[in-house]
Amino acid sequence: MADFSNAEMPDMVLTYGQARLRENGKFQPCCNDRGRERTERVLDAEEEILNSVGENPRISVRRLSYRIGVSPFVV
């Protein structure tokens, strides 16, 4: 948000909340289309991850991510 004085801030919060309610029908921000899209490599890795875990359920996340070539956060 921009810099508002202490007197203006509550008014702006209420104004933004009203606008959001009008647009989305709820006070919470809309979460659609946030963040980066998953790359095709990550989507392809999903099947490989599931197969590897099926073969060896005790495999570590680090080893699995290294073997498949994706970030451990993907696993």
N, C-alpha and C. Protein backbone atom coordinates (compact mmCIF):
# COMPACT_ATOMS: atom_id res chain seq x y z
N MET A 1 0.84 -1.19 0.00
CA MET A 1 0.00 0.00 0.00
C MET A 1 0.88 1.24 0.00
N ALA A 2 0.30 2.29 -0.46
CA ALA A 2 1.01 3.56 -0.46
C ALA A 2 1.14 4.06 0.98
N ASP A 3 1.88 5.14 1.15
CA ASP A 3 2.04 5.72 2.48
C ASP A 3 0.82 6.56 2.82
N PHE A 4 0.08 6.13 3.82
CA PHE A 4 -1.09 6.86 4.28
C PHE A 4 -0.85 7.31 5.72
N SER A 5 -1.49 8.40 6.10
CA SER A 5 -1.38 8.85 7.48
C SER A 5 -2.18 7.90 8.37
N ASN A 6 -1.98 8.00 9.67
CA ASN A 6 -2.71 7.15 10.60
C ASN A 6 -4.21 7.35 10.51
N ALA A 7 -4.64 8.54 10.15
CA ALA A 7 -6.07 8.81 10.01
C ALA A 7 -6.62 8.21 8.71
N GLU A 8 -5.81 8.17 7.66
CA GLU A 8 -6.27 7.67 6.37
C GLU A 8 -6.23 6.14 6.27
N MET A 9 -5.34 5.52 6.99
CA MET A 9 -5.13 4.07 6.85
C MET A 9 -6.40 3.25 7.09
N PRO A 10 -7.15 3.45 8.18
CA PRO A 10 -8.37 2.64 8.36
C PRO A 10 -9.37 2.83 7.22
N ASP A 11 -9.48 4.06 6.72
CA ASP A 11 -10.39 4.30 5.60
C ASP A 11 -9.96 3.53 4.36
N MET A 12 -8.67 3.49 4.10
CA MET A 12 -8.17 2.80 2.92
C MET A 12 -8.35 1.28 3.05
N VAL A 13 -8.12 0.75 4.24
CA VAL A 13 -8.30 -0.68 4.46
C VAL A 13 -9.76 -1.05 4.21
N LEU A 14 -10.67 -0.25 4.72
CA LEU A 14 -12.10 -0.51 4.49
C LEU A 14 -12.47 -0.35 3.02
N THR A 15 -11.90 0.63 2.36
CA THR A 15 -12.18 0.85 0.94
C THR A 15 -11.69 -0.33 0.11
N TYR A 16 -10.46 -0.80 0.37
CA TYR A 16 -9.95 -1.95 -0.36
C TYR A 16 -10.78 -3.20 -0.07
N GLY A 17 -11.20 -3.36 1.17
CA GLY A 17 -12.04 -4.50 1.52
C GLY A 17 -13.38 -4.47 0.81
N GLN A 18 -13.98 -3.29 0.72
CA GLN A 18 -15.25 -3.14 0.00
C GLN A 18 -15.08 -3.46 -1.48
N ALA A 19 -14.00 -2.96 -2.07
CA ALA A 19 -13.76 -3.22 -3.49
C ALA A 19 -13.55 -4.71 -3.73
N ARG A 20 -12.82 -5.36 -2.85
CA ARG A 20 -12.58 -6.80 -3.00
C ARG A 20 -13.88 -7.57 -2.86
N LEU A 21 -14.73 -7.17 -1.92
CA LEU A 21 -16.02 -7.83 -1.73
C LEU A 21 -16.89 -7.67 -2.98
N ARG A 22 -16.85 -6.49 -3.56
CA ARG A 22 -17.62 -6.23 -4.77
C ARG A 22 -17.12 -7.08 -5.94
N GLU A 23 -15.80 -7.22 -6.08
CA GLU A 23 -15.23 -7.96 -7.20
C GLU A 23 -15.35 -9.47 -7.04
N ASN A 24 -15.02 -9.98 -5.84
CA ASN A 24 -14.92 -11.43 -5.63
C ASN A 24 -16.08 -12.03 -4.86
N GLY A 25 -16.85 -11.19 -4.19
CA GLY A 25 -17.92 -11.70 -3.36
C GLY A 25 -17.44 -12.18 -1.99
N LYS A 26 -16.18 -11.89 -1.67
CA LYS A 26 -15.63 -12.23 -0.36
C LYS A 26 -14.52 -11.25 -0.01
N PHE A 27 -14.17 -11.20 1.27
CA PHE A 27 -13.16 -10.25 1.72
C PHE A 27 -11.74 -10.74 1.46
N GLN A 28 -11.57 -12.05 1.38
CA GLN A 28 -10.22 -12.59 1.18
C GLN A 28 -9.75 -12.33 -0.25
N PRO A 29 -8.46 -12.09 -0.43
CA PRO A 29 -7.96 -11.85 -1.78
C PRO A 29 -8.08 -13.10 -2.63
N CYS A 30 -8.29 -12.92 -3.90
CA CYS A 30 -8.40 -14.03 -4.84
C CYS A 30 -7.01 -14.63 -5.05
N CYS A 31 -6.90 -15.92 -5.00
CA CYS A 31 -5.59 -16.58 -5.09
C CYS A 31 -5.35 -17.22 -6.45
N ASN A 32 -6.23 -17.05 -7.40
CA ASN A 32 -6.05 -17.66 -8.71
C ASN A 32 -4.90 -17.01 -9.45
N ASP A 33 -4.19 -17.81 -10.20
CA ASP A 33 -3.11 -17.34 -11.07
C ASP A 33 -2.02 -16.60 -10.31
N ARG A 34 -1.66 -17.10 -9.16
CA ARG A 34 -0.55 -16.50 -8.41
C ARG A 34 0.66 -17.40 -8.52
N GLY A 35 1.82 -16.81 -8.53
CA GLY A 35 3.05 -17.57 -8.59
C GLY A 35 3.37 -18.00 -10.01
N ARG A 36 4.51 -18.64 -10.14
CA ARG A 36 4.94 -19.09 -11.46
C ARG A 36 4.22 -20.38 -11.82
N GLU A 37 4.04 -20.57 -13.12
CA GLU A 37 3.46 -21.82 -13.58
C GLU A 37 4.51 -22.91 -13.49
N ARG A 38 4.06 -24.11 -13.31
CA ARG A 38 5.00 -25.22 -13.24
C ARG A 38 5.54 -25.50 -14.64
N THR A 39 6.83 -25.74 -14.69
CA THR A 39 7.44 -26.05 -15.98
C THR A 39 7.05 -27.45 -16.40
N GLU A 40 7.18 -27.71 -17.66
CA GLU A 40 6.82 -29.03 -18.18
C GLU A 40 7.71 -30.11 -17.57
N ARG A 41 8.97 -29.75 -17.30
CA ARG A 41 9.90 -30.72 -16.71
C ARG A 41 9.41 -31.18 -15.33
N VAL A 42 8.88 -30.24 -14.56
CA VAL A 42 8.37 -30.59 -13.23
C VAL A 42 7.14 -31.47 -13.36
N LEU A 43 6.28 -31.17 -14.31
CA LEU A 43 5.08 -31.98 -14.51
C LEU A 43 5.45 -33.39 -14.96
N ASP A 44 6.47 -33.49 -15.82
CA ASP A 44 6.93 -34.81 -16.27
C ASP A 44 7.57 -35.59 -15.13
N ALA A 45 8.21 -34.90 -14.21
CA ALA A 45 8.90 -35.55 -13.11
C ALA A 45 7.94 -36.20 -12.13
N GLU A 46 6.69 -35.76 -12.11
CA GLU A 46 5.73 -36.29 -11.14
C GLU A 46 5.58 -37.80 -11.26
N GLU A 47 5.42 -38.28 -12.48
CA GLU A 47 5.27 -39.72 -12.71
C GLU A 47 6.53 -40.47 -12.27
N GLU A 48 7.67 -39.91 -12.60
CA GLU A 48 8.95 -40.52 -12.24
C GLU A 48 9.13 -40.58 -10.72
N ILE A 49 8.72 -39.53 -10.03
CA ILE A 49 8.81 -39.49 -8.57
C ILE A 49 7.93 -40.57 -7.95
N LEU A 50 6.70 -40.66 -8.42
CA LEU A 50 5.77 -41.66 -7.88
C LEU A 50 6.28 -43.08 -8.12
N ASN A 51 6.83 -43.34 -9.30
CA ASN A 51 7.37 -44.67 -9.59
C ASN A 51 8.56 -45.00 -8.69
N SER A 52 9.45 -44.03 -8.52
CA SER A 52 10.64 -44.26 -7.69
C SER A 52 10.27 -44.53 -6.24
N VAL A 53 9.31 -43.78 -5.72
CA VAL A 53 8.88 -43.99 -4.33
C VAL A 53 8.14 -45.31 -4.20
N GLY A 54 7.41 -45.70 -5.25
CA GLY A 54 6.74 -47.00 -5.23
C GLY A 54 7.74 -48.15 -5.16
N GLU A 55 8.86 -48.00 -5.88
CA GLU A 55 9.89 -49.04 -5.86
C GLU A 55 10.66 -49.06 -4.54
N ASN A 56 10.95 -47.88 -4.00
CA ASN A 56 11.74 -47.78 -2.77
C ASN A 56 11.16 -46.68 -1.89
N PRO A 57 10.21 -47.02 -1.01
CA PRO A 57 9.57 -46.00 -0.17
C PRO A 57 10.52 -45.32 0.82
N ARG A 58 11.70 -45.90 1.06
CA ARG A 58 12.63 -45.32 2.03
C ARG A 58 13.65 -44.39 1.39
N ILE A 59 13.52 -44.11 0.10
CA ILE A 59 14.48 -43.24 -0.59
C ILE A 59 14.37 -41.82 -0.04
N SER A 60 15.51 -41.15 0.08
CA SER A 60 15.50 -39.79 0.64
C SER A 60 15.09 -38.79 -0.44
N VAL A 61 14.59 -37.66 0.01
CA VAL A 61 14.17 -36.60 -0.90
C VAL A 61 15.37 -36.09 -1.68
N ARG A 62 16.50 -35.93 -1.00
CA ARG A 62 17.70 -35.44 -1.68
C ARG A 62 18.16 -36.38 -2.78
N ARG A 63 18.22 -37.65 -2.46
CA ARG A 63 18.68 -38.64 -3.45
C ARG A 63 17.71 -38.70 -4.62
N LEU A 64 16.43 -38.69 -4.32
CA LEU A 64 15.42 -38.76 -5.38
C LEU A 64 15.48 -37.53 -6.28
N SER A 65 15.62 -36.35 -5.69
CA SER A 65 15.69 -35.14 -6.51
C SER A 65 16.95 -35.13 -7.37
N TYR A 66 18.06 -35.62 -6.82
CA TYR A 66 19.31 -35.69 -7.59
C TYR A 66 19.16 -36.67 -8.76
N ARG A 67 18.56 -37.82 -8.49
CA ARG A 67 18.40 -38.85 -9.52
C ARG A 67 17.51 -38.36 -10.66
N ILE A 68 16.44 -37.66 -10.32
CA ILE A 68 15.49 -37.21 -11.34
C ILE A 68 15.93 -35.90 -11.99
N GLY A 69 16.70 -35.10 -11.24
CA GLY A 69 17.20 -33.85 -11.80
C GLY A 69 16.28 -32.66 -11.56
N VAL A 70 15.58 -32.67 -10.43
CA VAL A 70 14.71 -31.54 -10.07
C VAL A 70 15.08 -31.08 -8.67
N SER A 71 14.55 -29.95 -8.27
CA SER A 71 14.80 -29.40 -6.95
C SER A 71 14.16 -30.29 -5.88
N PRO A 72 14.77 -30.37 -4.70
CA PRO A 72 14.14 -31.13 -3.61
C PRO A 72 12.77 -30.56 -3.23
N PHE A 73 12.54 -29.29 -3.50
CA PHE A 73 11.24 -28.69 -3.19
C PHE A 73 10.14 -29.24 -4.10
N VAL A 74 10.53 -29.73 -5.26
CA VAL A 74 9.55 -30.33 -6.18
C VAL A 74 9.13 -31.69 -5.68
N VAL A 75 10.08 -32.42 -5.11
CA VAL A 75 9.81 -33.77 -4.61
C VAL A 75 8.94 -33.66 -3.38
